Amino acid sequence: MEKFSQEELKAYLMRSNEEFRTLAEKHAEYKRLIDQIEQKPHLTEQDEIEEHRLKKLKLHLKDQMQAIMSRHRPSQVA
């Protein structure tokens, strides 16, 4: 496989890898929900708990996406 920049690899995986695409879509959904919570003028305790929960889930998805990217990135041998 040819060398890809980070963004090129993401774009390639969005087109070619269903698992990556699903994770990326869910990640974007969590980001949208977090943004909605953060735009409120005053957060309730429940809002803060939900924001924290969503951030953890979003981070977990990012880790899974990074793992997929690592598997598709060619080995860099010196």
PDB file of N, CA and C in Angstrom:
ATOM      1  N   MET A   1       0.848  -1.185   0.000  1.00  0.00           N
ATOM      2  CA  MET A   1       0.000   0.000   0.000  1.00  0.00           C
ATOM      3  C   MET A   1       0.886   1.238   0.000  1.00  0.00           C
ATOM      4  N   GLU A   2       0.497   2.258  -0.762  1.00  0.00           N
ATOM      5  CA  GLU A   2       1.274   3.480  -0.823  1.00  0.00           C
ATOM      6  C   GLU A   2       1.162   4.247   0.493  1.00  0.00           C
ATOM      7  N   LYS A   3       2.062   5.191   0.686  1.00  0.00           N
ATOM      8  CA  LYS A   3       2.030   5.991   1.910  1.00  0.00           C
ATOM      9  C   LYS A   3       0.896   6.999   1.844  1.00  0.00           C
ATOM     10  N   PHE A   4       0.160   7.093   2.943  1.00  0.00           N
ATOM     11  CA  PHE A   4      -0.939   8.044   3.061  1.00  0.00           C
ATOM     12  C   PHE A   4      -0.633   9.021   4.178  1.00  0.00           C
ATOM     13  N   SER A   5      -1.052  10.272   3.994  1.00  0.00           N
ATOM     14  CA  SER A   5      -1.037  11.193   5.131  1.00  0.00           C
ATOM     15  C   SER A   5      -2.183  10.768   6.047  1.00  0.00           C
ATOM     16  N   GLN A   6      -2.215  11.308   7.236  1.00  0.00           N
ATOM     17  CA  GLN A   6      -3.266  10.979   8.209  1.00  0.00           C
ATOM     18  C   GLN A   6      -4.654  11.226   7.603  1.00  0.00           C
ATOM     19  N   GLU A   7      -4.849  12.387   6.989  1.00  0.00           N
ATOM     20  CA  GLU A   7      -6.152  12.735   6.423  1.00  0.00           C
ATOM     21  C   GLU A   7      -6.481  11.873   5.208  1.00  0.00           C
ATOM     22  N   GLU A   8      -5.487  11.566   4.391  1.00  0.00           N
ATOM     23  CA  GLU A   8      -5.719  10.693   3.235  1.00  0.00           C
ATOM     24  C   GLU A   8      -6.115   9.294   3.689  1.00  0.00           C
ATOM     25  N   LEU A   9      -5.471   8.811   4.741  1.00  0.00           N
ATOM     26  CA  LEU A   9      -5.806   7.493   5.266  1.00  0.00           C
ATOM     27  C   LEU A   9      -7.227   7.475   5.805  1.00  0.00           C
ATOM     28  N   LYS A  10      -7.618   8.526   6.536  1.00  0.00           N
ATOM     29  CA  LYS A  10      -8.988   8.608   7.041  1.00  0.00           C
ATOM     30  C   LYS A  10      -9.988   8.600   5.887  1.00  0.00           C
ATOM     31  N   ALA A  11      -9.718   9.390   4.856  1.00  0.00           N
ATOM     32  CA  ALA A  11     -10.627   9.464   3.709  1.00  0.00           C
ATOM     33  C   ALA A  11     -10.713   8.107   3.016  1.00  0.00           C
ATOM     34  N   TYR A  12      -9.575   7.452   2.862  1.00  0.00           N
ATOM     35  CA  TYR A  12      -9.547   6.123   2.239  1.00  0.00           C
ATOM     36  C   TYR A  12     -10.384   5.134   3.050  1.00  0.00           C
ATOM     37  N   LEU A  13     -10.201   5.136   4.363  1.00  0.00           N
ATOM     38  CA  LEU A  13     -10.943   4.210   5.220  1.00  0.00           C
ATOM     39  C   LEU A  13     -12.437   4.543   5.252  1.00  0.00           C
ATOM     40  N   MET A  14     -12.781   5.818   5.175  1.00  0.00           N
ATOM     41  CA  MET A  14     -14.201   6.197   5.127  1.00  0.00           C
ATOM     42  C   MET A  14     -14.860   5.609   3.882  1.00  0.00           C
ATOM     43  N   ARG A  15     -14.115   5.554   2.781  1.00  0.00           N
ATOM     44  CA  ARG A  15     -14.663   5.003   1.534  1.00  0.00           C
ATOM     45  C   ARG A  15     -14.653   3.479   1.520  1.00  0.00           C
ATOM     46  N   SER A  16     -13.653   2.880   2.134  1.00  0.00           N
ATOM     47  CA  SER A  16     -13.422   1.452   1.899  1.00  0.00           C
ATOM     48  C   SER A  16     -13.670   0.532   3.094  1.00  0.00           C
ATOM     49  N   ASN A  17     -13.838   1.089   4.286  1.00  0.00           N
ATOM     50  CA  ASN A  17     -13.936   0.246   5.478  1.00  0.00           C
ATOM     51  C   ASN A  17     -15.224   0.567   6.232  1.00  0.00           C
ATOM     52  N   GLU A  18     -16.177  -0.359   6.172  1.00  0.00           N
ATOM     53  CA  GLU A  18     -17.486  -0.151   6.795  1.00  0.00           C
ATOM     54  C   GLU A  18     -17.368   0.057   8.308  1.00  0.00           C
ATOM     55  N   GLU A  19     -16.511  -0.711   8.960  1.00  0.00           N
ATOM     56  CA  GLU A  19     -16.349  -0.576  10.412  1.00  0.00           C
ATOM     57  C   GLU A  19     -15.846   0.821  10.768  1.00  0.00           C
ATOM     58  N   PHE A  20     -14.828   1.293  10.045  1.00  0.00           N
ATOM     59  CA  PHE A  20     -14.272   2.626  10.305  1.00  0.00           C
ATOM     60  C   PHE A  20     -15.328   3.694  10.070  1.00  0.00           C
ATOM     61  N   ARG A  21     -16.068   3.568   8.977  1.00  0.00           N
ATOM     62  CA  ARG A  21     -17.113   4.538   8.643  1.00  0.00           C
ATOM     63  C   ARG A  21     -18.175   4.596   9.747  1.00  0.00           C
ATOM     64  N   THR A  22     -18.601   3.433  10.235  1.00  0.00           N
ATOM     65  CA  THR A  22     -19.607   3.377  11.306  1.00  0.00           C
ATOM     66  C   THR A  22     -19.081   4.040  12.573  1.00  0.00           C
ATOM     67  N   LEU A  23     -17.836   3.743  12.934  1.00  0.00           N
ATOM     68  CA  LEU A  23     -17.232   4.361  14.122  1.00  0.00           C
ATOM     69  C   LEU A  23     -17.140   5.870  13.960  1.00  0.00           C
ATOM     70  N   ALA A  24     -16.731   6.327  12.773  1.00  0.00           N
ATOM     71  CA  ALA A  24     -16.585   7.765  12.520  1.00  0.00           C
ATOM     72  C   ALA A  24     -17.936   8.474  12.602  1.00  0.00           C
ATOM     73  N   GLU A  25     -18.983   7.841  12.078  1.00  0.00           N
ATOM     74  CA  GLU A  25     -20.317   8.446  12.137  1.00  0.00           C
ATOM     75  C   GLU A  25     -20.805   8.547  13.579  1.00  0.00           C
ATOM     76  N   LYS A  26     -20.574   7.505  14.365  1.00  0.00           N
ATOM     77  CA  LYS A  26     -20.987   7.531  15.772  1.00  0.00           C
ATOM     78  C   LYS A  26     -20.169   8.578  16.538  1.00  0.00           C
ATOM     79  N   HIS A  27     -18.874   8.676  16.228  1.00  0.00           N
ATOM     80  CA  HIS A  27     -17.998   9.667  16.848  1.00  0.00           C
ATOM     81  C   HIS A  27     -18.536  11.078  16.570  1.00  0.00           C
ATOM     82  N   ALA A  28     -18.924  11.341  15.332  1.00  0.00           N
ATOM     83  CA  ALA A  28     -19.468  12.649  14.963  1.00  0.00           C
ATOM     84  C   ALA A  28     -20.789  12.922  15.692  1.00  0.00           C
ATOM     85  N   GLU A  29     -21.602  11.891  15.857  1.00  0.00           N
ATOM     86  CA  GLU A  29     -22.871  12.037  16.572  1.00  0.00           C
ATOM     87  C   GLU A  29     -22.612  12.402  18.038  1.00  0.00           C
ATOM     88  N   TYR A  30     -21.663  11.721  18.680  1.00  0.00           N
ATOM     89  CA  TYR A  30     -21.325  12.046  20.066  1.00  0.00           C
ATOM     90  C   TYR A  30     -20.807  13.477  20.173  1.00  0.00           C
ATOM     91  N   LYS A  31     -19.994  13.889  19.213  1.00  0.00           N
ATOM     92  CA  LYS A  31     -19.468  15.260  19.217  1.00  0.00           C
ATOM     93  C   LYS A  31     -20.613  16.261  19.117  1.00  0.00           C
ATOM     94  N   ARG A  32     -21.580  15.984  18.255  1.00  0.00           N
ATOM     95  CA  ARG A  32     -22.724  16.870  18.098  1.00  0.00           C
ATOM     96  C   ARG A  32     -23.516  16.972  19.407  1.00  0.00           C
ATOM     97  N   LEU A  33     -23.728  15.843  20.077  1.00  0.00           N
ATOM     98  CA  LEU A  33     -24.464  15.835  21.345  1.00  0.00           C
ATOM     99  C   LEU A  33     -23.707  16.583  22.439  1.00  0.00           C
ATOM    100  N   ILE A  34     -22.393  16.395  22.481  1.00  0.00           N
ATOM    101  CA  ILE A  34     -21.565  17.106  23.462  1.00  0.00           C
ATOM    102  C   ILE A  34     -21.649  18.617  23.207  1.00  0.00           C
ATOM    103  N   ASP A  35     -21.547  19.007  21.934  1.00  0.00           N
ATOM    104  CA  ASP A  35     -21.636  20.428  21.586  1.00  0.00           C
ATOM    105  C   ASP A  35     -22.975  21.022  22.025  1.00  0.00           C
ATOM    106  N   GLN A  36     -24.053  20.267  21.854  1.00  0.00           N
ATOM    107  CA  GLN A  36     -25.374  20.736  22.283  1.00  0.00           C
ATOM    108  C   GLN A  36     -25.397  20.989  23.789  1.00  0.00           C
ATOM    109  N   ILE A  37     -24.838  20.056  24.537  1.00  0.00           N
ATOM    110  CA  ILE A  37     -24.801  20.215  25.994  1.00  0.00           C
ATOM    111  C   ILE A  37     -23.962  21.432  26.376  1.00  0.00           C
ATOM    112  N   GLU A  38     -22.794  21.570  25.746  1.00  0.00           N
ATOM    113  CA  GLU A  38     -21.874  22.652  26.097  1.00  0.00           C
ATOM    114  C   GLU A  38     -22.402  24.034  25.724  1.00  0.00           C
ATOM    115  N   GLN A  39     -23.368  24.097  24.812  1.00  0.00           N
ATOM    116  CA  GLN A  39     -23.919  25.396  24.421  1.00  0.00           C
ATOM    117  C   GLN A  39     -25.007  25.885  25.371  1.00  0.00           C
ATOM    118  N   LYS A  40     -25.416  25.035  26.287  1.00  0.00           N
ATOM    119  CA  LYS A  40     -26.427  25.462  27.255  1.00  0.00           C
ATOM    120  C   LYS A  40     -25.822  26.514  28.172  1.00  0.00           C
ATOM    121  N   PRO A  41     -26.613  27.538  28.536  1.00  0.00           N
ATOM    122  CA  PRO A  41     -26.081  28.584  29.412  1.00  0.00           C
ATOM    123  C   PRO A  41     -25.756  28.079  30.823  1.00  0.00           C
ATOM    124  N   HIS A  42     -26.497  27.076  31.273  1.00  0.00           N
ATOM    125  CA  HIS A  42     -26.247  26.513  32.607  1.00  0.00           C
ATOM    126  C   HIS A  42     -26.424  24.998  32.528  1.00  0.00           C
ATOM    127  N   LEU A  43     -25.428  24.274  33.000  1.00  0.00           N
ATOM    128  CA  LEU A  43     -25.496  22.815  32.970  1.00  0.00           C
ATOM    129  C   LEU A  43     -26.011  22.288  34.301  1.00  0.00           C
ATOM    130  N   THR A  44     -26.968  21.385  34.214  1.00  0.00           N
ATOM    131  CA  THR A  44     -27.439  20.700  35.416  1.00  0.00           C
ATOM    132  C   THR A  44     -26.448  19.591  35.744  1.00  0.00           C
ATOM    133  N   GLU A  45     -26.611  19.022  36.908  1.00  0.00           N
ATOM    134  CA  GLU A  45     -25.756  17.889  37.276  1.00  0.00           C
ATOM    135  C   GLU A  45     -25.932  16.754  36.267  1.00  0.00           C
ATOM    136  N   GLN A  46     -27.168  16.528  35.827  1.00  0.00           N
ATOM    137  CA  GLN A  46     -27.448  15.476  34.840  1.00  0.00           C
ATOM    138  C   GLN A  46     -26.760  15.780  33.509  1.00  0.00           C
ATOM    139  N   ASP A  47     -26.760  17.059  33.096  1.00  0.00           N
ATOM    140  CA  ASP A  47     -26.055  17.460  31.869  1.00  0.00           C
ATOM    141  C   ASP A  47     -24.565  17.136  31.977  1.00  0.00           C
ATOM    142  N   GLU A  48     -23.985  17.454  33.132  1.00  0.00           N
ATOM    143  CA  GLU A  48     -22.556  17.211  33.332  1.00  0.00           C
ATOM    144  C   GLU A  48     -22.243  15.718  33.308  1.00  0.00           C
ATOM    145  N   ILE A  49     -23.100  14.919  33.905  1.00  0.00           N
ATOM    146  CA  ILE A  49     -22.913  13.464  33.899  1.00  0.00           C
ATOM    147  C   ILE A  49     -23.005  12.936  32.461  1.00  0.00           C
ATOM    148  N   GLU A  50     -24.004  13.411  31.731  1.00  0.00           N
ATOM    149  CA  GLU A  50     -24.184  12.967  30.341  1.00  0.00           C
ATOM    150  C   GLU A  50     -23.016  13.422  29.468  1.00  0.00           C
ATOM    151  N   GLU A  51     -22.545  14.640  29.669  1.00  0.00           N
ATOM    152  CA  GLU A  51     -21.398  15.142  28.915  1.00  0.00           C
ATOM    153  C   GLU A  51     -20.167  14.256  29.173  1.00  0.00           C
ATOM    154  N   HIS A  52     -19.934  13.937  30.420  1.00  0.00           N
ATOM    155  CA  HIS A  52     -18.798  13.094  30.789  1.00  0.00           C
ATOM    156  C   HIS A  52     -18.924  11.700  30.147  1.00  0.00           C
ATOM    157  N   ARG A  53     -20.125  11.125  30.198  1.00  0.00           N
ATOM    158  CA  ARG A  53     -20.372   9.806  29.614  1.00  0.00           C
ATOM    159  C   ARG A  53     -20.117   9.828  28.100  1.00  0.00           C
ATOM    160  N   LEU A  54     -20.630  10.856  27.432  1.00  0.00           N
ATOM    161  CA  LEU A  54     -20.460  10.963  25.982  1.00  0.00           C
ATOM    162  C   LEU A  54     -18.988  11.160  25.602  1.00  0.00           C
ATOM    163  N   LYS A  55     -18.268  11.937  26.391  1.00  0.00           N
ATOM    164  CA  LYS A  55     -16.848  12.161  26.111  1.00  0.00           C
ATOM    165  C   LYS A  55     -16.056  10.858  26.236  1.00  0.00           C
ATOM    166  N   LYS A  56     -16.399  10.033  27.221  1.00  0.00           N
ATOM    167  CA  LYS A  56     -15.720   8.740  27.373  1.00  0.00           C
ATOM    168  C   LYS A  56     -16.020   7.830  26.191  1.00  0.00           C
ATOM    169  N   LEU A  57     -17.287   7.803  25.774  1.00  0.00           N
ATOM    170  CA  LEU A  57     -17.666   6.977  24.628  1.00  0.00           C
ATOM    171  C   LEU A  57     -16.976   7.455  23.350  1.00  0.00           C
ATOM    172  N   LYS A  58     -16.929   8.767  23.179  1.00  0.00           N
ATOM    173  CA  LYS A  58     -16.287   9.356  22.002  1.00  0.00           C
ATOM    174  C   LYS A  58     -14.795   9.012  21.973  1.00  0.00           C
ATOM    175  N   LEU A  59     -14.150   9.085  23.118  1.00  0.00           N
ATOM    176  CA  LEU A  59     -12.728   8.747  23.200  1.00  0.00           C
ATOM    177  C   LEU A  59     -12.501   7.272  22.873  1.00  0.00           C
ATOM    178  N   HIS A  60     -13.383   6.413  23.360  1.00  0.00           N
ATOM    179  CA  HIS A  60     -13.276   4.985  23.065  1.00  0.00           C
ATOM    180  C   HIS A  60     -13.384   4.740  21.557  1.00  0.00           C
ATOM    181  N   LEU A  61     -14.309   5.421  20.905  1.00  0.00           N
ATOM    182  CA  LEU A  61     -14.446   5.285  19.452  1.00  0.00           C
ATOM    183  C   LEU A  61     -13.194   5.779  18.740  1.00  0.00           C
ATOM    184  N   LYS A  62     -12.634   6.890  19.212  1.00  0.00           N
ATOM    185  CA  LYS A  62     -11.412   7.423  18.609  1.00  0.00           C
ATOM    186  C   LYS A  62     -10.279   6.400  18.725  1.00  0.00           C
ATOM    187  N   ASP A  63     -10.180   5.759  19.877  1.00  0.00           N
ATOM    188  CA  ASP A  63      -9.150   4.721  20.058  1.00  0.00           C
ATOM    189  C   ASP A  63      -9.353   3.574  19.081  1.00  0.00           C
ATOM    190  N   GLN A  64     -10.601   3.170  18.872  1.00  0.00           N
ATOM    191  CA  GLN A  64     -10.888   2.090  17.923  1.00  0.00           C
ATOM    192  C   GLN A  64     -10.539   2.526  16.498  1.00  0.00           C
ATOM    193  N   MET A  65     -10.842   3.757  16.153  1.00  0.00           N
ATOM    194  CA  MET A  65     -10.515   4.270  14.823  1.00  0.00           C
ATOM    195  C   MET A  65      -8.992   4.321  14.628  1.00  0.00           C
ATOM    196  N   GLN A  66      -8.276   4.747  15.675  1.00  0.00           N
ATOM    197  CA  GLN A  66      -6.812   4.785  15.607  1.00  0.00           C
ATOM    198  C   GLN A  66      -6.234   3.382  15.400  1.00  0.00           C
ATOM    199  N   ALA A  67      -6.825   2.397  16.054  1.00  0.00           N
ATOM    200  CA  ALA A  67      -6.351   1.017  15.896  1.00  0.00           C
ATOM    201  C   ALA A  67      -6.524   0.549  14.453  1.00  0.00           C
ATOM    202  N   ILE A  68      -7.649   0.882  13.862  1.00  0.00           N
ATOM    203  CA  ILE A  68      -7.881   0.512  12.458  1.00  0.00           C
ATOM    204  C   ILE A  68      -6.878   1.230  11.564  1.00  0.00           C
ATOM    205  N   MET A  69      -6.636   2.500  11.828  1.00  0.00           N
ATOM    206  CA  MET A  69      -5.668   3.254  11.031  1.00  0.00           C
ATOM    207  C   MET A  69      -4.270   2.656  11.171  1.00  0.00           C
ATOM    208  N   SER A  70      -3.919   2.232  12.366  1.00  0.00           N
ATOM    209  CA  SER A  70      -2.599   1.631  12.590  1.00  0.00           C
ATOM    210  C   SER A  70      -2.436   0.340  11.793  1.00  0.00           C
ATOM    211  N   ARG A  71      -3.505  -0.428  11.707  1.00  0.00           N
ATOM    212  CA  ARG A  71      -3.438  -1.679  10.940  1.00  0.00           C
ATOM    213  C   ARG A  71      -3.279  -1.412   9.447  1.00  0.00           C
ATOM    214  N   HIS A  72      -3.771  -0.277   8.966  1.00  0.00           N
ATOM    215  CA  HIS A  72      -3.714   0.031   7.541  1.00  0.00           C
ATOM    216  C   HIS A  72      -2.501   0.879   7.155  1.00  0.00           C
ATOM    217  N   ARG A  73      -1.816   1.392   8.149  1.00  0.00           N
ATOM    218  CA  ARG A  73      -0.634   2.202   7.886  1.00  0.00           C
ATOM    219  C   ARG A  73       0.540   1.267   7.628  1.00  0.00           C
ATOM    220  N   PRO A  74       1.268   1.476   6.550  1.00  0.00           N
ATOM    221  CA  PRO A  74       2.419   0.585   6.288  1.00  0.00           C
ATOM    222  C   PRO A  74       3.471   0.710   7.390  1.00  0.00           C
ATOM    223  N   SER A  75       4.131  -0.375   7.675  1.00  0.00           N
ATOM    224  CA  SER A  75       5.180  -0.371   8.697  1.00  0.00           C
ATOM    225  C   SER A  75       6.312   0.543   8.264  1.00  0.00           C
ATOM    226  N   GLN A  76       6.773   1.340   9.184  1.00  0.00           N
ATOM    227  CA  GLN A  76       7.888   2.242   8.908  1.00  0.00           C
ATOM    228  C   GLN A  76       9.154   1.574   9.460  1.00  0.00           C
ATOM    229  N   VAL A  77       9.915   0.957   8.584  1.00  0.00           N
ATOM    230  CA  VAL A  77      11.126   0.247   8.993  1.00  0.00           C
ATOM    231  C   VAL A  77      12.328   1.108   8.646  1.00  0.00           C
ATOM    232  N   ALA A  78      13.229   1.279   9.617  1.00  0.00           N
ATOM    233  CA  ALA A  78      14.419   2.110   9.390  1.00  0.00           C
ATOM    234  C   ALA A  78      15.440   1.382   8.570  1.00  0.00           C
TER     235      ALA A  78
END
